[in-house]
Amino acid sequence: DGLARNHNVWIQASRLPGAGLGAFWAGGKTIRANAVVGRYLGAPVKTGVTGPYVMEFTDPDGALRRVDGAQRRHWSAFMNDARDEMLDMCVFTAAGKVRAVEDIVFGDELLVNYGGEGYWGAE
């Protein structure tokens, strides 16, 4: 199906109503709060390119990067936003990492805040 696989993440129907597919933790170990789960990966895109899976972040060398997760189909692009910060268990860092904000156990759907009005205002 073209998805970039991570043996510790499954892609399957989201538990959120109307959300389509979601990313679920399938690793044998609990991810502890503040641990890095992975990176948001995608194909590089130019400044000005927009879309629901385009993310901008800063590389360790300070360079600004923009990637489109839809073009790479990495598991990180399947993370959904519960639209309730109490349910979101991950955050995107300025460096494009996915960091746990609470412990994540086998079977948890990896939910992340998309950034409030910046993302949802475009709906």
C-alpha atoms as a PDB file:
ATOM      1  CA  ASP A   1       0.000   0.000   0.000  1.00  0.00           C
ATOM      2  CA  GLY A   2       3.012   2.354  -0.134  1.00  0.00           C
ATOM      3  CA  LEU A   3       3.124   3.214   3.575  1.00  0.00           C
ATOM      4  CA  ALA A   4       6.505   3.730   5.203  1.00  0.00           C
ATOM      5  CA  ARG A   5       6.451   1.080   7.930  1.00  0.00           C
ATOM      6  CA  ASN A   6       7.705   1.205  11.469  1.00  0.00           C
ATOM      7  CA  HIS A   7       7.445  -2.139  13.214  1.00  0.00           C
ATOM      8  CA  ASN A   8       6.358  -0.275  16.348  1.00  0.00           C
ATOM      9  CA  VAL A   9       3.490   1.685  14.731  1.00  0.00           C
ATOM     10  CA  TRP A  10       0.387   0.281  13.069  1.00  0.00           C
ATOM     11  CA  ILE A  11      -1.835   2.200  10.662  1.00  0.00           C
ATOM     12  CA  GLN A  12      -5.494   1.298  11.039  1.00  0.00           C
ATOM     13  CA  ALA A  13      -8.938   2.895  11.386  1.00  0.00           C
ATOM     14  CA  SER A  14      -8.836   5.752  13.898  1.00  0.00           C
ATOM     15  CA  ARG A  15     -10.985   5.628  17.011  1.00  0.00           C
ATOM     16  CA  LEU A  16     -11.915   9.265  16.406  1.00  0.00           C
ATOM     17  CA  PRO A  17     -15.248   9.734  14.600  1.00  0.00           C
ATOM     18  CA  GLY A  18     -14.726  10.724  10.960  1.00  0.00           C
ATOM     19  CA  ALA A  19     -10.918  10.728  11.184  1.00  0.00           C
ATOM     20  CA  GLY A  20     -10.106   7.945   8.689  1.00  0.00           C
ATOM     21  CA  LEU A  21      -6.820   6.167   9.415  1.00  0.00           C
ATOM     22  CA  GLY A  22      -4.709   6.668  12.524  1.00  0.00           C
ATOM     23  CA  ALA A  23      -1.289   5.690  13.895  1.00  0.00           C
ATOM     24  CA  PHE A  24      -1.215   3.276  16.858  1.00  0.00           C
ATOM     25  CA  TRP A  25       1.656   2.304  19.147  1.00  0.00           C
ATOM     26  CA  ALA A  26       2.451  -1.400  18.710  1.00  0.00           C
ATOM     27  CA  GLY A  27       5.842  -1.558  20.411  1.00  0.00           C
ATOM     28  CA  GLY A  28       6.489  -3.925  23.274  1.00  0.00           C
ATOM     29  CA  LYS A  29       7.760  -1.199  25.579  1.00  0.00           C
ATOM     30  CA  THR A  30       5.899   1.757  27.049  1.00  0.00           C
ATOM     31  CA  ILE A  31       7.034   5.128  25.706  1.00  0.00           C
ATOM     32  CA  ARG A  32       7.602   7.351  28.712  1.00  0.00           C
ATOM     33  CA  ALA A  33       6.486  10.979  28.877  1.00  0.00           C
ATOM     34  CA  ASN A  34       9.043  13.364  27.292  1.00  0.00           C
ATOM     35  CA  ALA A  35      10.611  10.586  25.180  1.00  0.00           C
ATOM     36  CA  VAL A  36      10.979  11.072  21.424  1.00  0.00           C
ATOM     37  CA  VAL A  37       8.599   8.779  19.532  1.00  0.00           C
ATOM     38  CA  GLY A  38      10.048   9.600  16.115  1.00  0.00           C
ATOM     39  CA  ARG A  39      10.261  12.383  13.529  1.00  0.00           C
ATOM     40  CA  TYR A  40       7.713  13.905  11.200  1.00  0.00           C
ATOM     41  CA  LEU A  41       9.002  12.843   7.796  1.00  0.00           C
ATOM     42  CA  GLY A  42       7.971  13.880   4.318  1.00  0.00           C
ATOM     43  CA  ALA A  43       9.130  15.008   0.925  1.00  0.00           C
ATOM     44  CA  PRO A  44      10.849  18.419   0.839  1.00  0.00           C
ATOM     45  CA  VAL A  45       8.640  21.252  -0.473  1.00  0.00           C
ATOM     46  CA  LYS A  46       9.365  24.875  -1.346  1.00  0.00           C
ATOM     47  CA  THR A  47       8.314  27.904   0.657  1.00  0.00           C
ATOM     48  CA  GLY A  48       4.761  28.834  -0.221  1.00  0.00           C
ATOM     49  CA  VAL A  49       3.582  25.251  -0.729  1.00  0.00           C
ATOM     50  CA  THR A  50       0.703  24.545   1.639  1.00  0.00           C
ATOM     51  CA  GLY A  51      -1.418  21.551   2.492  1.00  0.00           C
ATOM     52  CA  PRO A  52      -2.819  19.602   5.422  1.00  0.00           C
ATOM     53  CA  TYR A  53       0.369  17.512   5.777  1.00  0.00           C
ATOM     54  CA  VAL A  54       2.963  20.267   5.214  1.00  0.00           C
ATOM     55  CA  MET A  55       5.069  20.992   8.282  1.00  0.00           C
ATOM     56  CA  GLU A  56       7.820  23.536   8.797  1.00  0.00           C
ATOM     57  CA  PHE A  57      10.618  22.960  11.292  1.00  0.00           C
ATOM     58  CA  THR A  58      14.209  23.890  12.057  1.00  0.00           C
ATOM     59  CA  ASP A  59      17.066  21.442  11.455  1.00  0.00           C
ATOM     60  CA  PRO A  60      19.815  21.111  14.091  1.00  0.00           C
ATOM     61  CA  ASP A  61      22.026  23.330  11.894  1.00  0.00           C
ATOM     62  CA  GLY A  62      19.395  26.094  12.103  1.00  0.00           C
ATOM     63  CA  ALA A  63      18.068  25.738   8.556  1.00  0.00           C
ATOM     64  CA  LEU A  64      14.310  26.029   8.057  1.00  0.00           C
ATOM     65  CA  ARG A  65      12.801  22.956   6.364  1.00  0.00           C
ATOM     66  CA  ARG A  66       9.343  22.292   4.954  1.00  0.00           C
ATOM     67  CA  VAL A  67       8.135  18.751   4.279  1.00  0.00           C
ATOM     68  CA  ASP A  68       4.900  17.247   3.003  1.00  0.00           C
ATOM     69  CA  GLY A  69       4.037  14.086   4.912  1.00  0.00           C
ATOM     70  CA  ALA A  70       1.379  13.103   2.363  1.00  0.00           C
ATOM     71  CA  GLN A  71       4.023  12.607  -0.325  1.00  0.00           C
ATOM     72  CA  ARG A  72       6.112  10.208   1.779  1.00  0.00           C
ATOM     73  CA  ARG A  73       3.236   8.397   3.530  1.00  0.00           C
ATOM     74  CA  HIS A  74       5.242   7.932   6.726  1.00  0.00           C
ATOM     75  CA  TRP A  75       3.377   6.816   9.866  1.00  0.00           C
ATOM     76  CA  SER A  76       3.781  10.279  11.394  1.00  0.00           C
ATOM     77  CA  ALA A  77       1.424  11.736   8.759  1.00  0.00           C
ATOM     78  CA  PHE A  78      -1.346   9.465  10.097  1.00  0.00           C
ATOM     79  CA  MET A  79      -1.336  10.994  13.572  1.00  0.00           C
ATOM     80  CA  ASN A  80      -4.697  12.605  14.257  1.00  0.00           C
ATOM     81  CA  ASP A  81      -5.678  15.593  16.387  1.00  0.00           C
ATOM     82  CA  ALA A  82      -8.360  14.786  18.969  1.00  0.00           C
ATOM     83  CA  ARG A  83      -9.217  18.513  19.060  1.00  0.00           C
ATOM     84  CA  ASP A  84      -9.035  18.207  22.827  1.00  0.00           C
ATOM     85  CA  GLU A  85      -5.641  18.916  24.403  1.00  0.00           C
ATOM     86  CA  MET A  86      -6.490  16.559  27.267  1.00  0.00           C
ATOM     87  CA  LEU A  87      -6.514  13.632  24.795  1.00  0.00           C
ATOM     88  CA  ASP A  88      -3.425  14.572  22.747  1.00  0.00           C
ATOM     89  CA  MET A  89      -0.498  12.435  23.938  1.00  0.00           C
ATOM     90  CA  CYS A  90       2.200  13.825  21.627  1.00  0.00           C
ATOM     91  CA  VAL A  91       3.526  17.181  20.472  1.00  0.00           C
ATOM     92  CA  PHE A  92       5.547  18.247  17.460  1.00  0.00           C
ATOM     93  CA  THR A  93       8.776  19.980  18.459  1.00  0.00           C
ATOM     94  CA  ALA A  94      10.309  22.910  16.579  1.00  0.00           C
ATOM     95  CA  ALA A  95      12.869  20.423  15.209  1.00  0.00           C
ATOM     96  CA  GLY A  96      10.164  18.178  13.694  1.00  0.00           C
ATOM     97  CA  LYS A  97      10.319  15.483  16.352  1.00  0.00           C
ATOM     98  CA  VAL A  98       7.279  13.748  17.799  1.00  0.00           C
ATOM     99  CA  ARG A  99       7.574  13.829  21.595  1.00  0.00           C
ATOM    100  CA  ALA A 100       5.340  12.020  24.101  1.00  0.00           C
ATOM    101  CA  VAL A 101       3.651  14.262  26.679  1.00  0.00           C
ATOM    102  CA  GLU A 102       2.380  11.281  28.659  1.00  0.00           C
ATOM    103  CA  ASP A 103       3.155   7.581  28.823  1.00  0.00           C
ATOM    104  CA  ILE A 104       2.077   5.674  25.687  1.00  0.00           C
ATOM    105  CA  VAL A 105       1.262   1.970  25.936  1.00  0.00           C
ATOM    106  CA  PHE A 106       0.575  -0.775  23.395  1.00  0.00           C
ATOM    107  CA  GLY A 107      -2.599  -0.032  21.430  1.00  0.00           C
ATOM    108  CA  ASP A 108      -2.745   3.723  22.156  1.00  0.00           C
ATOM    109  CA  GLU A 109      -3.627   5.901  19.190  1.00  0.00           C
ATOM    110  CA  LEU A 110      -0.878   8.495  18.708  1.00  0.00           C
ATOM    111  CA  LEU A 111      -2.747  11.811  18.920  1.00  0.00           C
ATOM    112  CA  VAL A 112      -1.099  15.202  18.480  1.00  0.00           C
ATOM    113  CA  ASN A 113      -2.257  18.826  18.568  1.00  0.00           C
ATOM    114  CA  TYR A 114      -2.098  20.240  15.023  1.00  0.00           C
ATOM    115  CA  GLY A 115      -1.700  23.789  16.270  1.00  0.00           C
ATOM    116  CA  GLY A 116      -5.181  25.072  16.958  1.00  0.00           C
ATOM    117  CA  GLU A 117      -6.683  27.758  14.774  1.00  0.00           C
ATOM    118  CA  GLY A 118      -3.761  27.762  12.342  1.00  0.00           C
ATOM    119  CA  TYR A 119      -4.750  24.307  11.127  1.00  0.00           C
ATOM    120  CA  TRP A 120      -8.436  24.027  11.991  1.00  0.00           C
ATOM    121  CA  GLY A 121      -9.211  27.567  10.826  1.00  0.00           C
ATOM    122  CA  ALA A 122      -8.555  26.399   7.243  1.00  0.00           C
ATOM    123  CA  GLU A 123     -11.399  23.860   7.400  1.00  0.00           C
END
